[in-house]
N, C-alpha and C. Protein backbone atom coordinates (compact mmCIF):
# COMPACT_ATOMS: atom_id res chain seq x y z
N VAL A 1 13.40 -9.59 12.27
CA VAL A 1 13.44 -9.10 10.91
C VAL A 1 12.04 -9.20 10.32
N ALA A 2 11.61 -8.15 9.65
CA ALA A 2 10.28 -8.12 9.06
C ALA A 2 10.31 -7.35 7.76
N VAL A 3 9.27 -7.54 6.97
CA VAL A 3 9.09 -6.75 5.76
C VAL A 3 7.75 -6.04 5.85
N HIS A 4 7.62 -4.95 5.15
CA HIS A 4 6.36 -4.23 5.12
C HIS A 4 5.34 -5.02 4.31
N ALA A 5 4.07 -4.76 4.55
CA ALA A 5 3.00 -5.48 3.86
C ALA A 5 3.11 -5.31 2.34
N GLU A 6 3.47 -4.12 1.89
CA GLU A 6 3.63 -3.89 0.46
C GLU A 6 4.72 -4.77 -0.12
N GLN A 7 5.84 -4.85 0.61
CA GLN A 7 6.95 -5.69 0.15
C GLN A 7 6.53 -7.15 0.12
N ASN A 8 5.81 -7.60 1.11
CA ASN A 8 5.35 -8.98 1.16
C ASN A 8 4.41 -9.26 -0.01
N ALA A 9 3.54 -8.31 -0.34
CA ALA A 9 2.63 -8.49 -1.47
C ALA A 9 3.41 -8.61 -2.78
N LEU A 10 4.45 -7.81 -2.94
CA LEU A 10 5.25 -7.88 -4.15
C LEU A 10 6.04 -9.18 -4.24
N ILE A 11 6.56 -9.63 -3.11
CA ILE A 11 7.33 -10.88 -3.09
C ILE A 11 6.44 -12.07 -3.38
N SER A 12 5.24 -12.07 -2.82
CA SER A 12 4.34 -13.23 -2.91
C SER A 12 3.41 -13.19 -4.13
N GLY A 13 3.27 -12.03 -4.75
CA GLY A 13 2.29 -11.87 -5.82
C GLY A 13 2.74 -12.41 -7.16
N ASP A 14 1.78 -12.54 -8.05
CA ASP A 14 2.02 -12.97 -9.43
C ASP A 14 2.51 -11.76 -10.22
N VAL A 15 3.75 -11.80 -10.65
CA VAL A 15 4.37 -10.66 -11.32
C VAL A 15 3.58 -10.25 -12.56
N SER A 16 3.08 -11.20 -13.31
CA SER A 16 2.34 -10.86 -14.53
C SER A 16 1.02 -10.15 -14.23
N ALA A 17 0.48 -10.33 -13.04
CA ALA A 17 -0.79 -9.70 -12.67
C ALA A 17 -0.58 -8.31 -12.07
N MET A 18 0.65 -7.91 -11.81
CA MET A 18 0.92 -6.62 -11.18
C MET A 18 0.90 -5.46 -12.15
N ASN A 19 1.10 -5.72 -13.44
CA ASN A 19 1.16 -4.64 -14.42
C ASN A 19 -0.18 -3.89 -14.44
N CYS A 20 -0.13 -2.61 -14.13
CA CYS A 20 -1.30 -1.72 -14.08
C CYS A 20 -2.28 -2.09 -12.96
N ALA A 21 -1.80 -2.74 -11.92
CA ALA A 21 -2.65 -3.14 -10.81
C ALA A 21 -2.79 -2.01 -9.78
N VAL A 22 -3.74 -2.19 -8.88
CA VAL A 22 -3.97 -1.27 -7.77
C VAL A 22 -3.78 -2.06 -6.48
N ILE A 23 -3.11 -1.46 -5.49
CA ILE A 23 -2.89 -2.12 -4.20
C ILE A 23 -3.71 -1.40 -3.13
N TYR A 24 -4.22 -2.16 -2.19
CA TYR A 24 -5.00 -1.59 -1.08
C TYR A 24 -4.10 -1.57 0.16
N ILE A 25 -4.05 -0.43 0.83
CA ILE A 25 -3.18 -0.25 1.99
C ILE A 25 -4.02 0.26 3.16
N SER A 26 -3.84 -0.36 4.32
CA SER A 26 -4.55 0.07 5.52
C SER A 26 -3.55 0.59 6.54
N GLY A 27 -3.94 1.63 7.28
CA GLY A 27 -3.08 2.17 8.31
C GLY A 27 -3.71 2.01 9.68
N PHE A 28 -2.86 1.77 10.68
CA PHE A 28 -3.34 1.57 12.05
C PHE A 28 -2.33 2.16 13.01
N ASP A 29 -2.79 2.99 13.93
CA ASP A 29 -1.94 3.58 14.96
C ASP A 29 -2.01 2.70 16.20
N CYS A 30 -0.92 2.02 16.50
CA CYS A 30 -0.91 1.10 17.65
C CYS A 30 -1.08 1.83 18.98
N GLY A 31 -0.64 3.09 19.04
CA GLY A 31 -0.77 3.85 20.28
C GLY A 31 -2.20 4.21 20.61
N THR A 32 -2.91 4.75 19.62
CA THR A 32 -4.30 5.16 19.85
C THR A 32 -5.31 4.06 19.50
N ARG A 33 -4.84 3.03 18.81
CA ARG A 33 -5.68 1.90 18.36
C ARG A 33 -6.76 2.36 17.38
N ASN A 34 -6.43 3.41 16.61
CA ASN A 34 -7.34 3.94 15.60
C ASN A 34 -6.78 3.68 14.21
N PHE A 35 -7.68 3.53 13.24
CA PHE A 35 -7.24 3.45 11.86
C PHE A 35 -6.80 4.83 11.40
N ILE A 36 -5.76 4.87 10.58
CA ILE A 36 -5.25 6.11 10.02
C ILE A 36 -5.05 5.90 8.52
N LYS A 37 -4.79 6.98 7.80
CA LYS A 37 -4.54 6.87 6.37
C LYS A 37 -3.26 6.06 6.14
N GLY A 38 -3.36 5.01 5.35
CA GLY A 38 -2.20 4.20 5.01
C GLY A 38 -1.47 4.81 3.82
N VAL A 39 -0.18 4.99 3.95
CA VAL A 39 0.63 5.58 2.89
C VAL A 39 1.91 4.75 2.75
N PRO A 40 2.30 4.40 1.51
CA PRO A 40 3.55 3.66 1.35
C PRO A 40 4.73 4.50 1.83
N CYS A 41 5.69 3.85 2.48
CA CYS A 41 6.87 4.56 2.97
C CYS A 41 7.82 4.87 1.80
N GLU A 42 8.88 5.57 2.10
CA GLU A 42 9.83 6.00 1.06
C GLU A 42 10.59 4.83 0.44
N ILE A 43 10.58 3.68 1.08
CA ILE A 43 11.20 2.48 0.51
C ILE A 43 10.18 1.72 -0.35
N CYS A 44 8.96 1.60 0.14
CA CYS A 44 7.94 0.82 -0.55
C CYS A 44 7.43 1.50 -1.82
N LEU A 45 7.31 2.82 -1.81
CA LEU A 45 6.76 3.52 -2.97
C LEU A 45 7.55 3.23 -4.25
N PRO A 46 8.89 3.35 -4.25
CA PRO A 46 9.62 3.01 -5.47
C PRO A 46 9.48 1.53 -5.86
N MET A 47 9.36 0.67 -4.87
CA MET A 47 9.17 -0.75 -5.18
C MET A 47 7.84 -0.96 -5.89
N LEU A 48 6.80 -0.26 -5.45
CA LEU A 48 5.50 -0.36 -6.11
C LEU A 48 5.58 0.18 -7.54
N GLN A 49 6.28 1.29 -7.70
CA GLN A 49 6.45 1.86 -9.04
C GLN A 49 7.19 0.89 -9.96
N ASN A 50 8.25 0.28 -9.46
CA ASN A 50 9.03 -0.66 -10.25
C ASN A 50 8.23 -1.90 -10.62
N ALA A 51 7.23 -2.24 -9.81
CA ALA A 51 6.38 -3.40 -10.09
C ALA A 51 5.22 -3.03 -11.00
N HIS A 52 5.18 -1.77 -11.45
CA HIS A 52 4.14 -1.26 -12.36
C HIS A 52 2.76 -1.23 -11.71
N ILE A 53 2.73 -1.04 -10.38
CA ILE A 53 1.48 -0.78 -9.68
C ILE A 53 1.12 0.67 -10.01
N VAL A 54 -0.12 0.94 -10.38
CA VAL A 54 -0.46 2.28 -10.86
C VAL A 54 -1.12 3.17 -9.82
N ALA A 55 -1.64 2.57 -8.73
CA ALA A 55 -2.32 3.38 -7.71
C ALA A 55 -2.43 2.58 -6.41
N TYR A 56 -2.69 3.30 -5.34
CA TYR A 56 -3.03 2.62 -4.09
C TYR A 56 -4.31 3.22 -3.53
N ILE A 57 -5.08 2.38 -2.87
CA ILE A 57 -6.35 2.80 -2.28
C ILE A 57 -6.25 2.60 -0.77
N THR A 58 -6.70 3.61 -0.03
CA THR A 58 -6.69 3.56 1.42
C THR A 58 -7.94 4.29 1.92
N THR A 59 -8.11 4.33 3.21
CA THR A 59 -9.15 5.15 3.81
C THR A 59 -8.49 6.17 4.73
N ASP A 60 -9.17 7.29 4.91
CA ASP A 60 -8.65 8.27 5.86
C ASP A 60 -9.22 7.99 7.24
N GLU A 61 -8.94 8.88 8.18
CA GLU A 61 -9.36 8.69 9.57
C GLU A 61 -10.88 8.62 9.72
N ASP A 62 -11.61 9.21 8.77
CA ASP A 62 -13.06 9.22 8.81
C ASP A 62 -13.69 8.09 8.00
N GLY A 63 -12.86 7.22 7.43
CA GLY A 63 -13.37 6.09 6.67
C GLY A 63 -13.65 6.37 5.21
N ARG A 64 -13.31 7.58 4.74
CA ARG A 64 -13.50 7.91 3.33
C ARG A 64 -12.45 7.20 2.49
N ILE A 65 -12.85 6.67 1.34
CA ILE A 65 -11.94 5.96 0.45
C ILE A 65 -11.14 6.98 -0.37
N ILE A 66 -9.83 6.79 -0.42
CA ILE A 66 -8.94 7.67 -1.15
C ILE A 66 -8.12 6.83 -2.12
N GLU A 67 -8.11 7.22 -3.39
CA GLU A 67 -7.27 6.56 -4.40
C GLU A 67 -6.19 7.53 -4.81
N THR A 68 -4.94 7.08 -4.78
CA THR A 68 -3.80 7.91 -5.14
C THR A 68 -3.03 7.23 -6.26
N GLU A 69 -2.85 7.95 -7.37
CA GLU A 69 -2.05 7.41 -8.47
C GLU A 69 -0.58 7.45 -8.08
N ILE A 70 0.12 6.44 -8.54
CA ILE A 70 1.57 6.36 -8.26
C ILE A 70 2.32 6.86 -9.48
């Protein structure tokens, strides 16, 4: 049994500090061993919204920083 990193951050984080916060997400392909764009899954995204997280920051395959509003 496991939880996603986003879920773990929400469970372990300070609830009062989450209002209007930004979360950083990293993606990794275990098959190719390359970094990929990290995107919250369909379960984690609503959890982030409910926690009042306003955006997530990730990098794409080329290492460019991408910020996405939630």
